[in-house]
Amino acid sequence: KRTLEQDITIKLCNIIQHCKGRHYVKAADEYLLLSIGKAAWPMGVTMVGIHERSSREKIFSQDVAHILNDETQRKFIQSVKRLMSYSQNKYPPDSFT
């Protein structure tokens, strides 16, 4: 089936552009958005008694991380991180040279 969702493609293109420009911090930020997303992470107890927390619905929002959806996809996205690390070691930012 070899298809890729458009939002993942956009984030990958952003990561590549940042790495080409040697802006590795911005590339790492994009990678984090791609891998874990902006989903709310439950911290502590979510259900106490008969009433649920007021912000509980935010935990299960549409901002689910893509890396957790598919094993093959997770491996490819992890390989992008390895390429980012290689690029940063091989071509350090201008401020370090």
Protein backbone atom coordinates (compact mmCIF):
# COMPACT_ATOMS: atom_id res chain seq x y z
CA LYS A 1 0.00 0.00 0.00
CA ARG A 2 3.04 2.35 0.26
CA THR A 3 1.22 5.58 1.09
CA LEU A 4 2.06 8.24 3.64
CA GLU A 5 -0.29 10.65 5.31
CA GLN A 6 0.10 14.25 4.19
CA ASP A 7 0.79 15.66 7.67
CA ILE A 8 3.64 13.16 8.14
CA THR A 9 5.05 14.09 4.74
CA ILE A 10 4.97 17.78 5.62
CA LYS A 11 6.76 17.19 8.93
CA LEU A 12 9.40 15.03 7.23
CA CYS A 13 10.00 17.75 4.63
CA ASN A 14 10.37 20.31 7.43
CA ILE A 15 12.89 18.08 9.21
CA ILE A 16 14.91 17.68 6.01
CA GLN A 17 14.89 21.42 5.29
CA HIS A 18 16.04 22.24 8.83
CA CYS A 19 18.85 19.66 8.59
CA LYS A 20 19.94 21.01 5.20
CA GLY A 21 20.12 24.47 6.76
CA ARG A 22 21.98 23.03 9.78
CA HIS A 23 19.21 24.13 12.14
CA TYR A 24 19.25 20.95 14.19
CA VAL A 25 17.30 22.28 17.17
CA LYS A 26 14.37 23.16 14.89
CA ALA A 27 14.70 19.75 13.20
CA ALA A 28 14.58 18.06 16.61
CA ASP A 29 11.46 20.05 17.51
CA GLU A 30 9.78 18.88 14.30
CA TYR A 31 10.85 15.31 15.04
CA LEU A 32 9.24 15.49 18.49
CA LEU A 33 6.02 16.76 16.95
CA LEU A 34 6.15 13.89 14.48
CA SER A 35 6.99 11.19 17.00
CA ILE A 36 4.99 12.05 20.13
CA GLY A 37 2.77 14.81 18.82
CA LYS A 38 0.91 17.31 20.97
CA ALA A 39 -1.34 14.82 22.69
CA ALA A 40 -2.05 15.47 26.34
CA TRP A 41 -0.36 12.89 28.53
CA PRO A 42 -2.28 11.81 31.61
CA MET A 43 -0.32 12.76 34.71
CA GLY A 44 -1.56 11.05 37.83
CA VAL A 45 -5.05 9.82 38.50
CA THR A 46 -7.65 10.52 35.83
CA MET A 47 -10.72 9.08 37.52
CA VAL A 48 -11.49 9.78 41.16
CA GLY A 49 -14.91 8.94 42.49
CA ILE A 50 -17.98 9.36 40.31
CA HIS A 51 -16.90 12.63 38.67
CA GLU A 52 -14.28 12.78 35.99
CA ARG A 53 -11.70 15.48 35.60
CA SER A 54 -12.76 18.56 33.69
CA SER A 55 -9.89 18.23 31.21
CA ARG A 56 -10.13 14.47 30.73
CA GLU A 57 -11.50 14.82 27.20
CA LYS A 58 -8.25 16.55 26.17
CA ILE A 59 -6.31 13.37 26.88
CA PHE A 60 -7.98 11.58 23.98
CA SER A 61 -7.81 14.40 21.44
CA GLN A 62 -7.07 14.11 17.73
CA ASP A 63 -3.40 14.96 18.36
CA VAL A 64 -2.37 11.32 18.66
CA ALA A 65 1.24 10.52 17.92
CA HIS A 66 1.78 8.86 14.55
CA ILE A 67 4.81 6.87 15.65
CA LEU A 68 2.70 4.58 17.81
CA ASN A 69 0.21 3.64 15.09
CA ASP A 70 2.24 1.17 13.05
CA GLU A 71 5.41 -0.83 13.74
CA THR A 72 6.83 -0.30 10.25
CA GLN A 73 6.08 3.41 10.39
CA ARG A 74 7.72 3.65 13.83
CA LYS A 75 10.90 2.05 12.49
CA PHE A 76 11.08 4.43 9.53
CA ILE A 77 10.53 7.46 11.74
CA GLN A 78 13.27 6.25 14.09
CA SER A 79 15.59 5.95 11.11
CA VAL A 80 14.91 9.63 10.38
CA LYS A 81 16.23 10.43 13.88
CA ARG A 82 19.36 8.39 13.16
CA LEU A 83 19.89 10.32 9.93
CA MET A 84 19.42 13.59 11.83
CA SER A 85 22.09 12.55 14.34
CA TYR A 86 24.47 11.51 11.56
CA SER A 87 23.90 14.78 9.73
CA GLN A 88 24.58 16.77 12.89
CA ASN A 89 27.85 14.91 13.51
CA LYS A 90 29.00 15.03 9.88
CA TYR A 91 27.90 18.64 9.22
CA PRO A 92 27.91 20.54 12.52
CA PRO A 93 26.19 23.91 12.75
CA ASP A 94 28.18 26.92 11.59
CA SER A 95 28.41 28.24 15.15
CA PHE A 96 30.54 25.20 16.18
CA THR A 97 33.02 25.25 13.30
